[in-house]
Every structure is written in structure tokens, then in C-alpha cells.
N, C-alpha and C. Protein backbone atom coordinates (compact mmCIF):
# COMPACT_ATOMS: atom_id res chain seq x y z
N MET A 1 -24.14 -143.81 106.65
CA MET A 1 -22.99 -143.56 107.48
C MET A 1 -21.85 -143.07 106.60
N THR A 2 -21.14 -142.07 107.06
CA THR A 2 -20.03 -141.51 106.29
C THR A 2 -18.73 -142.24 106.63
N TRP A 3 -17.98 -142.55 105.61
CA TRP A 3 -16.71 -143.25 105.74
C TRP A 3 -15.62 -142.41 105.08
N THR A 4 -14.40 -142.54 105.55
CA THR A 4 -13.28 -141.79 104.96
C THR A 4 -12.27 -142.76 104.36
N LEU A 5 -11.59 -142.29 103.36
CA LEU A 5 -10.58 -143.07 102.67
C LEU A 5 -9.33 -143.18 103.52
N ASP A 6 -8.80 -144.39 103.66
CA ASP A 6 -7.51 -144.61 104.32
C ASP A 6 -6.44 -144.50 103.24
N HIS A 7 -5.72 -143.39 103.22
CA HIS A 7 -4.76 -143.12 102.16
C HIS A 7 -3.62 -144.13 102.08
N THR A 8 -3.30 -144.76 103.20
CA THR A 8 -2.22 -145.73 103.19
C THR A 8 -2.64 -147.08 102.60
N HIS A 9 -3.95 -147.24 102.40
CA HIS A 9 -4.47 -148.47 101.82
C HIS A 9 -5.42 -148.16 100.66
N ALA A 10 -4.95 -147.30 99.78
CA ALA A 10 -5.77 -146.92 98.62
C ALA A 10 -4.87 -146.69 97.41
N GLU A 11 -5.38 -147.07 96.24
CA GLU A 11 -4.64 -146.82 95.01
C GLU A 11 -5.61 -146.63 93.86
N VAL A 12 -5.37 -145.59 93.08
CA VAL A 12 -6.11 -145.34 91.85
C VAL A 12 -5.13 -145.57 90.71
N GLY A 13 -5.31 -146.68 90.01
CA GLY A 13 -4.38 -147.04 88.95
C GLY A 13 -5.02 -147.05 87.58
N PHE A 14 -4.16 -147.02 86.57
CA PHE A 14 -4.64 -147.08 85.19
C PHE A 14 -3.64 -147.85 84.34
N ALA A 15 -4.10 -148.34 83.20
CA ALA A 15 -3.25 -149.05 82.26
C ALA A 15 -3.70 -148.72 80.85
N VAL A 16 -2.72 -148.54 79.96
CA VAL A 16 -3.01 -148.19 78.56
C VAL A 16 -1.96 -148.83 77.67
N LYS A 17 -2.35 -149.21 76.47
CA LYS A 17 -1.42 -149.82 75.52
C LYS A 17 -0.46 -148.78 74.95
N HIS A 18 0.80 -149.20 74.79
CA HIS A 18 1.84 -148.38 74.18
C HIS A 18 2.29 -149.10 72.92
N MET A 19 2.27 -148.40 71.79
CA MET A 19 2.64 -148.94 70.48
C MET A 19 1.85 -150.19 70.13
N MET A 20 0.67 -150.32 70.71
CA MET A 20 -0.25 -151.41 70.43
C MET A 20 0.26 -152.78 70.90
N VAL A 21 1.39 -152.82 71.64
CA VAL A 21 1.95 -154.11 72.04
C VAL A 21 2.21 -154.24 73.54
N ALA A 22 2.58 -153.17 74.19
CA ALA A 22 2.92 -153.24 75.61
C ALA A 22 1.91 -152.45 76.43
N THR A 23 1.76 -152.82 77.70
CA THR A 23 0.86 -152.10 78.59
C THR A 23 1.68 -151.26 79.55
N VAL A 24 1.36 -149.97 79.61
CA VAL A 24 1.99 -149.05 80.56
C VAL A 24 1.01 -148.83 81.70
N ARG A 25 1.50 -148.96 82.92
CA ARG A 25 0.67 -148.77 84.11
C ARG A 25 1.12 -147.52 84.85
N GLY A 26 0.15 -146.90 85.49
CA GLY A 26 0.44 -145.74 86.31
C GLY A 26 -0.57 -145.64 87.43
N ARG A 27 -0.38 -144.64 88.27
CA ARG A 27 -1.32 -144.43 89.38
C ARG A 27 -1.28 -142.98 89.80
N PHE A 28 -2.30 -142.61 90.54
CA PHE A 28 -2.38 -141.29 91.16
C PHE A 28 -2.19 -141.50 92.66
N THR A 29 -1.34 -140.70 93.27
CA THR A 29 -1.01 -140.91 94.68
C THR A 29 -1.79 -140.00 95.63
N GLU A 30 -2.46 -138.98 95.11
CA GLU A 30 -3.22 -138.08 95.98
C GLU A 30 -4.70 -138.13 95.61
N VAL A 31 -5.47 -138.76 96.51
CA VAL A 31 -6.90 -138.97 96.28
C VAL A 31 -7.65 -138.66 97.57
N GLU A 32 -8.75 -137.97 97.45
CA GLU A 32 -9.67 -137.73 98.57
C GLU A 32 -11.02 -138.29 98.16
N ALA A 33 -11.75 -138.84 99.11
CA ALA A 33 -13.08 -139.37 98.79
C ALA A 33 -14.01 -139.23 99.97
N ASP A 34 -15.24 -138.83 99.68
CA ASP A 34 -16.32 -138.81 100.65
C ASP A 34 -17.26 -139.95 100.27
N ILE A 35 -17.42 -140.90 101.19
CA ILE A 35 -18.21 -142.08 100.92
C ILE A 35 -19.37 -142.15 101.90
N ASN A 36 -20.57 -142.24 101.37
CA ASN A 36 -21.76 -142.45 102.19
C ASN A 36 -22.19 -143.88 101.94
N LEU A 37 -21.96 -144.75 102.92
CA LEU A 37 -22.23 -146.17 102.76
C LEU A 37 -23.46 -146.55 103.57
N ASP A 38 -24.50 -146.96 102.88
CA ASP A 38 -25.73 -147.43 103.53
C ASP A 38 -25.68 -148.95 103.54
N GLU A 39 -25.32 -149.53 104.68
CA GLU A 39 -25.15 -150.98 104.76
C GLU A 39 -26.46 -151.73 104.58
N GLN A 40 -27.58 -151.15 105.01
CA GLN A 40 -28.87 -151.81 104.90
C GLN A 40 -29.42 -151.75 103.48
N ALA A 41 -29.14 -150.67 102.77
CA ALA A 41 -29.61 -150.49 101.40
C ALA A 41 -28.47 -149.91 100.57
N PRO A 42 -27.51 -150.76 100.14
CA PRO A 42 -26.33 -150.28 99.43
C PRO A 42 -26.64 -149.42 98.20
N GLU A 43 -27.82 -149.63 97.60
CA GLU A 43 -28.17 -148.82 96.42
C GLU A 43 -28.36 -147.35 96.78
N ASN A 44 -28.46 -147.02 98.07
CA ASN A 44 -28.56 -145.63 98.51
C ASN A 44 -27.20 -145.02 98.84
N SER A 45 -26.14 -145.78 98.63
CA SER A 45 -24.79 -145.29 98.91
C SER A 45 -24.32 -144.33 97.82
N SER A 46 -23.29 -143.54 98.15
CA SER A 46 -22.74 -142.61 97.17
C SER A 46 -21.27 -142.34 97.47
N VAL A 47 -20.58 -141.83 96.46
CA VAL A 47 -19.17 -141.47 96.62
C VAL A 47 -18.85 -140.28 95.74
N ARG A 48 -17.99 -139.42 96.27
CA ARG A 48 -17.41 -138.32 95.50
C ARG A 48 -15.91 -138.39 95.73
N ALA A 49 -15.15 -138.58 94.66
CA ALA A 49 -13.70 -138.70 94.76
C ALA A 49 -13.03 -137.61 93.95
N VAL A 50 -11.97 -137.05 94.52
CA VAL A 50 -11.18 -136.02 93.84
C VAL A 50 -9.73 -136.49 93.79
N VAL A 51 -9.19 -136.55 92.59
CA VAL A 51 -7.81 -136.98 92.35
C VAL A 51 -7.00 -135.77 91.91
N GLN A 52 -5.84 -135.58 92.52
CA GLN A 52 -4.93 -134.51 92.10
C GLN A 52 -4.15 -135.01 90.88
N ALA A 53 -4.39 -134.39 89.73
CA ALA A 53 -3.79 -134.83 88.47
C ALA A 53 -2.27 -134.83 88.53
N ALA A 54 -1.68 -133.88 89.23
CA ALA A 54 -0.22 -133.77 89.30
C ALA A 54 0.41 -134.91 90.09
N SER A 55 -0.40 -135.71 90.79
CA SER A 55 0.15 -136.82 91.57
C SER A 55 0.36 -138.07 90.72
N LEU A 56 0.16 -137.96 89.41
CA LEU A 56 0.33 -139.07 88.48
C LEU A 56 1.78 -139.56 88.49
N THR A 57 1.96 -140.87 88.50
CA THR A 57 3.29 -141.45 88.38
C THR A 57 3.21 -142.76 87.61
N THR A 58 4.18 -142.96 86.70
CA THR A 58 4.24 -144.19 85.91
C THR A 58 5.59 -144.89 86.04
N GLY A 59 6.49 -144.30 86.81
CA GLY A 59 7.83 -144.87 86.94
C GLY A 59 8.82 -144.31 85.94
N SER A 60 8.39 -143.40 85.09
CA SER A 60 9.28 -142.76 84.12
C SER A 60 9.07 -141.25 84.21
N GLU A 61 10.09 -140.53 84.65
CA GLU A 61 9.96 -139.08 84.83
C GLU A 61 9.61 -138.36 83.53
N ASP A 62 10.24 -138.76 82.42
CA ASP A 62 9.93 -138.13 81.13
C ASP A 62 8.48 -138.37 80.72
N ARG A 63 8.02 -139.61 80.87
CA ARG A 63 6.63 -139.93 80.51
C ARG A 63 5.66 -139.17 81.43
N ASP A 64 5.96 -139.12 82.73
CA ASP A 64 5.09 -138.41 83.67
C ASP A 64 4.99 -136.94 83.30
N THR A 65 6.12 -136.33 82.95
CA THR A 65 6.12 -134.92 82.55
C THR A 65 5.24 -134.71 81.32
N HIS A 66 5.34 -135.63 80.35
CA HIS A 66 4.51 -135.51 79.14
C HIS A 66 3.03 -135.69 79.48
N LEU A 67 2.70 -136.68 80.32
CA LEU A 67 1.30 -136.90 80.68
C LEU A 67 0.71 -135.72 81.45
N LYS A 68 1.52 -135.01 82.21
CA LYS A 68 1.05 -133.86 82.98
C LYS A 68 0.95 -132.59 82.13
N SER A 69 1.51 -132.63 80.93
CA SER A 69 1.54 -131.45 80.04
C SER A 69 0.19 -131.23 79.36
N ALA A 70 0.10 -130.16 78.59
CA ALA A 70 -1.13 -129.82 77.87
C ALA A 70 -1.50 -130.88 76.83
N ASP A 71 -0.57 -131.74 76.42
CA ASP A 71 -0.88 -132.82 75.48
C ASP A 71 -1.87 -133.82 76.09
N PHE A 72 -1.83 -133.96 77.41
CA PHE A 72 -2.69 -134.94 78.08
C PHE A 72 -3.52 -134.26 79.18
N PHE A 73 -3.10 -134.40 80.44
CA PHE A 73 -3.92 -133.93 81.56
C PHE A 73 -3.89 -132.42 81.78
N ASP A 74 -2.86 -131.74 81.31
CA ASP A 74 -2.74 -130.29 81.48
C ASP A 74 -3.00 -129.91 82.95
N VAL A 75 -2.15 -130.44 83.84
CA VAL A 75 -2.39 -130.32 85.28
C VAL A 75 -2.40 -128.89 85.79
N GLU A 76 -1.74 -127.98 85.10
CA GLU A 76 -1.77 -126.58 85.56
C GLU A 76 -3.14 -125.96 85.31
N GLN A 77 -3.74 -126.27 84.19
CA GLN A 77 -5.06 -125.74 83.83
C GLN A 77 -6.20 -126.53 84.50
N PHE A 78 -6.01 -127.86 84.64
CA PHE A 78 -7.04 -128.75 85.16
C PHE A 78 -6.44 -129.63 86.26
N PRO A 79 -6.30 -129.09 87.46
CA PRO A 79 -5.57 -129.80 88.52
C PRO A 79 -6.29 -131.01 89.12
N GLU A 80 -7.60 -131.15 88.90
CA GLU A 80 -8.34 -132.23 89.55
C GLU A 80 -9.12 -133.07 88.55
N LEU A 81 -9.20 -134.37 88.85
CA LEU A 81 -10.10 -135.30 88.20
C LEU A 81 -11.15 -135.61 89.25
N VAL A 82 -12.43 -135.57 88.87
CA VAL A 82 -13.50 -135.72 89.86
C VAL A 82 -14.47 -136.81 89.40
N PHE A 83 -14.82 -137.68 90.35
CA PHE A 83 -15.84 -138.69 90.10
C PHE A 83 -16.97 -138.48 91.09
N GLN A 84 -18.20 -138.36 90.59
CA GLN A 84 -19.39 -138.23 91.43
C GLN A 84 -20.35 -139.35 91.05
N SER A 85 -20.64 -140.22 92.00
CA SER A 85 -21.53 -141.34 91.69
C SER A 85 -22.95 -140.85 91.42
N THR A 86 -23.65 -141.61 90.58
CA THR A 86 -25.06 -141.31 90.28
C THR A 86 -25.96 -142.48 90.68
N SER A 87 -25.39 -143.70 90.77
CA SER A 87 -26.19 -144.84 91.21
C SER A 87 -25.29 -146.01 91.59
N VAL A 88 -25.84 -146.87 92.44
CA VAL A 88 -25.19 -148.11 92.84
C VAL A 88 -26.19 -149.23 92.59
N ARG A 89 -25.74 -150.28 91.93
CA ARG A 89 -26.61 -151.42 91.67
C ARG A 89 -25.92 -152.70 92.15
N ARG A 90 -26.59 -153.44 93.00
CA ARG A 90 -26.04 -154.70 93.52
C ARG A 90 -26.08 -155.79 92.45
N ASN A 91 -25.03 -156.59 92.44
CA ASN A 91 -24.95 -157.77 91.57
C ASN A 91 -24.57 -158.97 92.41
N GLY A 92 -25.31 -159.22 93.47
CA GLY A 92 -24.98 -160.29 94.41
C GLY A 92 -24.64 -159.70 95.76
N ASP A 93 -24.21 -160.55 96.67
CA ASP A 93 -23.94 -160.10 98.04
C ASP A 93 -22.79 -159.10 98.12
N ASP A 94 -21.71 -159.35 97.41
CA ASP A 94 -20.54 -158.47 97.55
C ASP A 94 -20.11 -157.81 96.25
N ARG A 95 -20.89 -157.95 95.20
CA ARG A 95 -20.56 -157.33 93.91
C ARG A 95 -21.58 -156.25 93.58
N PHE A 96 -21.09 -155.23 92.86
CA PHE A 96 -21.96 -154.11 92.53
C PHE A 96 -21.43 -153.37 91.31
N GLU A 97 -22.28 -152.51 90.74
CA GLU A 97 -21.87 -151.59 89.69
C GLU A 97 -22.07 -150.19 90.22
N LEU A 98 -21.04 -149.39 90.07
CA LEU A 98 -21.06 -148.00 90.51
C LEU A 98 -21.05 -147.12 89.26
N ALA A 99 -22.15 -146.42 89.02
CA ALA A 99 -22.24 -145.51 87.88
C ALA A 99 -22.00 -144.10 88.38
N GLY A 100 -21.40 -143.28 87.53
CA GLY A 100 -21.16 -141.91 87.94
C GLY A 100 -20.65 -141.07 86.80
N ASP A 101 -20.39 -139.82 87.14
CA ASP A 101 -19.87 -138.85 86.18
C ASP A 101 -18.40 -138.60 86.50
N LEU A 102 -17.54 -138.83 85.52
CA LEU A 102 -16.11 -138.59 85.66
C LEU A 102 -15.76 -137.33 84.89
N THR A 103 -15.05 -136.41 85.56
CA THR A 103 -14.63 -135.16 84.91
C THR A 103 -13.11 -135.13 84.82
N ILE A 104 -12.63 -135.01 83.59
CA ILE A 104 -11.21 -134.85 83.30
C ILE A 104 -11.10 -133.69 82.33
N ARG A 105 -10.23 -132.74 82.60
CA ARG A 105 -10.03 -131.57 81.74
C ARG A 105 -11.35 -130.81 81.50
N ASP A 106 -12.19 -130.71 82.50
CA ASP A 106 -13.49 -130.04 82.42
C ASP A 106 -14.46 -130.70 81.45
N VAL A 107 -14.20 -131.94 81.08
CA VAL A 107 -15.11 -132.73 80.25
C VAL A 107 -15.68 -133.82 81.15
N THR A 108 -17.01 -133.90 81.21
CA THR A 108 -17.68 -134.88 82.06
C THR A 108 -18.35 -135.94 81.20
N GLN A 109 -18.06 -137.20 81.53
CA GLN A 109 -18.63 -138.33 80.80
C GLN A 109 -19.13 -139.36 81.81
N PRO A 110 -20.19 -140.09 81.47
CA PRO A 110 -20.65 -141.16 82.36
C PRO A 110 -19.67 -142.34 82.33
N VAL A 111 -19.51 -142.97 83.48
CA VAL A 111 -18.61 -144.12 83.63
C VAL A 111 -19.31 -145.15 84.51
N VAL A 112 -19.13 -146.42 84.20
CA VAL A 112 -19.63 -147.49 85.05
C VAL A 112 -18.44 -148.34 85.48
N LEU A 113 -18.31 -148.49 86.80
CA LEU A 113 -17.24 -149.30 87.37
C LEU A 113 -17.85 -150.55 87.99
N LYS A 114 -17.23 -151.68 87.76
CA LYS A 114 -17.66 -152.92 88.39
C LYS A 114 -16.87 -153.05 89.68
N GLY A 115 -17.58 -153.44 90.76
CA GLY A 115 -16.91 -153.45 92.04
C GLY A 115 -17.18 -154.69 92.87
N GLU A 116 -16.31 -154.84 93.86
CA GLU A 116 -16.45 -155.89 94.86
C GLU A 116 -16.26 -155.23 96.21
N PHE A 117 -17.12 -155.60 97.15
CA PHE A 117 -17.13 -155.01 98.49
C PHE A 117 -16.69 -156.06 99.50
N SER A 118 -15.84 -155.67 100.44
CA SER A 118 -15.41 -156.56 101.53
C SER A 118 -15.65 -155.86 102.85
N GLY A 119 -16.20 -156.58 103.80
CA GLY A 119 -16.42 -156.01 105.13
C GLY A 119 -17.88 -155.64 105.32
N PRO A 120 -18.14 -154.79 106.28
CA PRO A 120 -17.16 -154.17 107.18
C PRO A 120 -16.68 -155.13 108.26
N VAL A 121 -15.49 -154.82 108.79
CA VAL A 121 -14.90 -155.58 109.89
C VAL A 121 -14.43 -154.60 110.95
N LYS A 122 -14.31 -155.10 112.16
CA LYS A 122 -13.76 -154.29 113.23
C LYS A 122 -12.25 -154.46 113.21
N SER A 123 -11.52 -153.35 113.13
CA SER A 123 -10.07 -153.42 113.06
C SER A 123 -9.48 -153.62 114.46
N PRO A 124 -8.21 -153.99 114.55
CA PRO A 124 -7.56 -154.13 115.86
C PRO A 124 -7.49 -152.80 116.63
N PHE A 125 -7.77 -151.71 115.95
CA PHE A 125 -7.71 -150.38 116.56
C PHE A 125 -9.07 -149.91 117.05
N GLY A 126 -10.10 -150.77 116.89
CA GLY A 126 -11.41 -150.47 117.43
C GLY A 126 -12.39 -149.82 116.47
N ASP A 127 -11.93 -149.40 115.29
CA ASP A 127 -12.86 -148.81 114.34
C ASP A 127 -13.33 -149.86 113.35
N ARG A 128 -14.30 -149.49 112.52
CA ARG A 128 -14.82 -150.39 111.50
C ARG A 128 -14.21 -150.01 110.16
N ARG A 129 -13.85 -151.03 109.37
CA ARG A 129 -13.22 -150.84 108.07
C ARG A 129 -13.97 -151.64 107.01
N ALA A 130 -13.89 -151.16 105.78
CA ALA A 130 -14.46 -151.87 104.64
C ALA A 130 -13.52 -151.66 103.46
N GLY A 131 -13.62 -152.53 102.47
CA GLY A 131 -12.76 -152.43 101.30
C GLY A 131 -13.56 -152.51 100.02
N PHE A 132 -13.02 -151.83 99.00
CA PHE A 132 -13.64 -151.82 97.68
C PHE A 132 -12.57 -152.09 96.63
N SER A 133 -12.90 -152.90 95.65
CA SER A 133 -12.08 -153.09 94.46
C SER A 133 -12.98 -152.71 93.29
N LEU A 134 -12.51 -151.79 92.46
CA LEU A 134 -13.30 -151.30 91.33
C LEU A 134 -12.48 -151.39 90.05
N SER A 135 -13.15 -151.67 88.94
CA SER A 135 -12.47 -151.67 87.65
C SER A 135 -13.43 -151.18 86.58
N GLY A 136 -12.86 -150.65 85.53
CA GLY A 136 -13.65 -150.16 84.41
C GLY A 136 -12.75 -149.70 83.29
N GLU A 137 -13.36 -149.18 82.24
CA GLU A 137 -12.62 -148.66 81.10
C GLU A 137 -13.21 -147.34 80.67
N ILE A 138 -12.33 -146.47 80.17
CA ILE A 138 -12.80 -145.23 79.56
C ILE A 138 -12.10 -145.05 78.22
N ASP A 139 -12.71 -144.26 77.37
CA ASP A 139 -12.12 -143.83 76.11
C ASP A 139 -11.47 -142.48 76.41
N ARG A 140 -10.15 -142.43 76.45
CA ARG A 140 -9.47 -141.20 76.83
C ARG A 140 -9.79 -140.03 75.89
N GLU A 141 -10.04 -140.31 74.63
CA GLU A 141 -10.33 -139.27 73.66
C GLU A 141 -11.65 -138.56 73.97
N ALA A 142 -12.58 -139.26 74.62
CA ALA A 142 -13.87 -138.65 74.99
C ALA A 142 -13.68 -137.54 76.02
N PHE A 143 -12.52 -137.54 76.70
CA PHE A 143 -12.22 -136.53 77.70
C PHE A 143 -11.26 -135.47 77.18
N GLY A 144 -11.00 -135.47 75.89
CA GLY A 144 -10.10 -134.47 75.31
C GLY A 144 -8.64 -134.85 75.38
N LEU A 145 -8.34 -136.09 75.76
CA LEU A 145 -6.95 -136.56 75.80
C LEU A 145 -6.65 -137.24 74.46
N THR A 146 -6.47 -136.41 73.43
CA THR A 146 -6.42 -136.92 72.06
C THR A 146 -5.02 -137.01 71.45
N TRP A 147 -3.99 -136.55 72.16
CA TRP A 147 -2.64 -136.57 71.59
C TRP A 147 -2.27 -138.00 71.20
N ASN A 148 -1.62 -138.14 70.04
CA ASN A 148 -1.17 -139.44 69.59
C ASN A 148 -0.21 -139.28 68.44
N VAL A 149 0.44 -140.36 68.07
CA VAL A 149 1.34 -140.40 66.93
C VAL A 149 1.03 -141.67 66.15
N ALA A 150 0.82 -141.51 64.84
CA ALA A 150 0.59 -142.69 63.99
C ALA A 150 1.92 -143.40 63.77
N MET A 151 1.87 -144.72 63.76
CA MET A 151 3.09 -145.51 63.55
C MET A 151 3.17 -145.95 62.10
N GLU A 152 4.39 -146.07 61.59
CA GLU A 152 4.60 -146.48 60.19
C GLU A 152 3.98 -147.84 59.90
N THR A 153 4.00 -148.71 60.88
CA THR A 153 3.49 -150.08 60.69
C THR A 153 1.98 -150.18 60.89
N GLY A 154 1.35 -149.04 61.14
CA GLY A 154 -0.08 -149.02 61.42
C GLY A 154 -0.30 -148.93 62.92
N GLY A 155 -1.46 -148.47 63.30
CA GLY A 155 -1.74 -148.29 64.71
C GLY A 155 -1.22 -146.96 65.22
N VAL A 156 -1.30 -146.79 66.51
CA VAL A 156 -0.90 -145.52 67.12
C VAL A 156 0.01 -145.78 68.33
N LEU A 157 0.69 -144.73 68.76
CA LEU A 157 1.62 -144.84 69.87
C LEU A 157 0.92 -145.11 71.20
N VAL A 158 -0.19 -144.41 71.46
CA VAL A 158 -0.90 -144.52 72.73
C VAL A 158 -2.31 -145.05 72.48
N GLY A 159 -2.67 -146.11 73.18
CA GLY A 159 -4.00 -146.70 73.03
C GLY A 159 -5.10 -145.74 73.43
N LYS A 160 -6.27 -145.95 72.86
CA LYS A 160 -7.43 -145.11 73.13
C LYS A 160 -8.15 -145.54 74.42
N THR A 161 -8.15 -146.83 74.71
CA THR A 161 -8.85 -147.37 75.88
C THR A 161 -7.93 -147.36 77.09
N VAL A 162 -8.43 -146.81 78.18
CA VAL A 162 -7.68 -146.78 79.44
C VAL A 162 -8.44 -147.65 80.44
N LYS A 163 -7.74 -148.61 81.01
CA LYS A 163 -8.33 -149.48 82.02
C LYS A 163 -8.07 -148.85 83.39
N LEU A 164 -9.11 -148.81 84.21
CA LEU A 164 -9.02 -148.24 85.55
C LEU A 164 -9.09 -149.36 86.58
N ASN A 165 -8.27 -149.24 87.63
CA ASN A 165 -8.29 -150.19 88.74
C ASN A 165 -8.14 -149.40 90.02
N ILE A 166 -9.10 -149.56 90.91
CA ILE A 166 -9.11 -148.79 92.15
C ILE A 166 -9.23 -149.76 93.32
N GLU A 167 -8.35 -149.62 94.28
CA GLU A 167 -8.40 -150.37 95.52
C GLU A 167 -8.53 -149.37 96.64
N ALA A 168 -9.48 -149.57 97.54
CA ALA A 168 -9.69 -148.59 98.60
C ALA A 168 -10.14 -149.26 99.89
N GLU A 169 -9.49 -148.86 100.97
CA GLU A 169 -9.95 -149.24 102.31
C GLU A 169 -10.51 -147.97 102.93
N VAL A 170 -11.67 -148.10 103.56
CA VAL A 170 -12.33 -146.94 104.16
C VAL A 170 -12.61 -147.21 105.63
N ALA A 171 -12.65 -146.13 106.41
CA ALA A 171 -12.90 -146.22 107.85
C ALA A 171 -14.17 -145.46 108.17
N GLU A 172 -14.98 -146.04 109.04
CA GLU A 172 -16.22 -145.40 109.46
C GLU A 172 -15.90 -144.18 110.31
N GLN A 173 -16.42 -143.02 109.92
CA GLN A 173 -16.14 -141.78 110.65
C GLN A 173 -16.73 -141.78 112.04
N ALA A 174 -17.92 -142.31 112.20
CA ALA A 174 -18.59 -142.26 113.49
C ALA A 174 -17.74 -142.93 114.57
N ALA A 175 -17.05 -144.01 114.24
CA ALA A 175 -16.21 -144.70 115.22
C ALA A 175 -15.09 -143.79 115.69
N GLU A 176 -14.51 -143.01 114.77
CA GLU A 176 -13.45 -142.07 115.14
C GLU A 176 -14.00 -140.96 116.01
N ALA A 177 -15.18 -140.46 115.66
CA ALA A 177 -15.79 -139.37 116.43
C ALA A 177 -16.15 -139.85 117.84
N GLU A 178 -16.69 -141.07 117.96
CA GLU A 178 -17.04 -141.61 119.28
C GLU A 178 -15.79 -141.78 120.13
N GLY A 179 -14.68 -142.23 119.51
CA GLY A 179 -13.44 -142.39 120.23
C GLY A 179 -12.92 -141.06 120.75
N ALA A 180 -13.03 -140.00 119.93
CA ALA A 180 -12.58 -138.66 120.35
C ALA A 180 -13.45 -138.15 121.49
N GLU A 181 -14.78 -138.43 121.43
CA GLU A 181 -15.67 -137.98 122.51
C GLU A 181 -15.33 -138.70 123.80
N SER A 182 -15.02 -140.00 123.72
CA SER A 182 -14.69 -140.76 124.92
C SER A 182 -13.41 -140.24 125.55
N GLU A 183 -12.41 -139.90 124.72
CA GLU A 183 -11.16 -139.35 125.23
C GLU A 183 -11.41 -138.00 125.90
N SER A 184 -12.26 -137.19 125.26
CA SER A 184 -12.58 -135.87 125.81
C SER A 184 -13.28 -136.01 127.16
N GLU A 185 -14.23 -136.95 127.26
CA GLU A 185 -14.95 -137.17 128.52
C GLU A 185 -14.00 -137.67 129.59
N ALA A 186 -13.08 -138.56 129.23
CA ALA A 186 -12.12 -139.11 130.19
C ALA A 186 -11.18 -138.01 130.72
N ALA A 187 -10.91 -137.02 129.87
CA ALA A 187 -10.02 -135.93 130.27
C ALA A 187 -10.77 -134.85 131.02
N GLY A 188 -12.10 -135.04 131.19
CA GLY A 188 -12.88 -134.06 131.94
C GLY A 188 -13.41 -132.93 131.08
N GLY A 189 -13.42 -133.12 129.76
CA GLY A 189 -13.85 -132.04 128.87
C GLY A 189 -15.02 -132.42 128.14
């Protein structure tokens, strides 16, 4: 069954060390995802997500501008980050591992995200909803995001490991399509 991402209940976030002591958090605000969820056999499920790199925000305009520049994401040259799942493995009733290929700056690397699944439930609006919480880590340098500055005291300005955190609520498409058909039939069409 195909499900769509509810943009008002979704967040793609990241965290990275700054000067080896503080954690800087950010998120991407524009994300699209096609989710094929097989409730009977979750290992047959799949997802393809596309993130608009220019939608990055960290709460600092200067930092955001630098992250969007050629030193990091180079959003003009590489406007999208893409994740395509390759496998789903259950780790209990509501836990799973989602493996896939992540592409940043035209560099594709395998990534494994640990996840938790909630639902599905029937919403007050009559459709079915489900939720996912995913987390993982990537080495930013493996994707060509290598800009850094060495510090006098040792270490570097920007950490190499980036922690990913994704929260997503999805809606079953078939329920929306059935509702539209019912409205059309009621209107005589």
C-alpha cells in the first residue's frame, strides 16, 4: 500500500559537533517521500525520499549560507539529497533497520537507519496514519563534505560524524482516494 508523507508532521534533522565541544543541530524543511508499506510483510516495504538541500536551517543565517555554499552542500549544483531504500529488516514488533543508498553531492553511499514504527491508526479524519522514528550516523567526508579548519588546540572546527534523526507521519493514499471517489459519487459524477 502506498503512503504519503504528512509535511506538517515530519522532520529531517541532523546534529554535528562544533569545535569538538558543542553540538549544532539543523533540519531540512522541504522533504518528499514515496512510501510503500507492506503491513503483512514489512520486509517488502520501501521508501524513496528527496530532500531539497536549500531548505536547510540551523537557526543561524550566516551558518546556513555557509552550509549551502560550495564548501558543503553546494545547493546550486546539487539541489537534492536522495535516499532510496534497499532493504528493511525487522528487529521486533515495532523496531526495524532500514538500509539504503543516500546521495549527497552526486556521491552515493550505503546508510543504515534504526527505526521504530507506530500504528497504523485511524485518524479522526477517517484516514489511516502511521509514524516512523529513524536515527543513524554518516561520515560527511564520505559524501565530499570535507571543508574544515584545524584548531590550534587540536581537533577540527566541524565534526566528521553527522547524526541523523527523522520523524515522519504518513497517511495511507488509498483512504484519500476512496474518500474522493465517495464525494464524486455523491455529487453525481
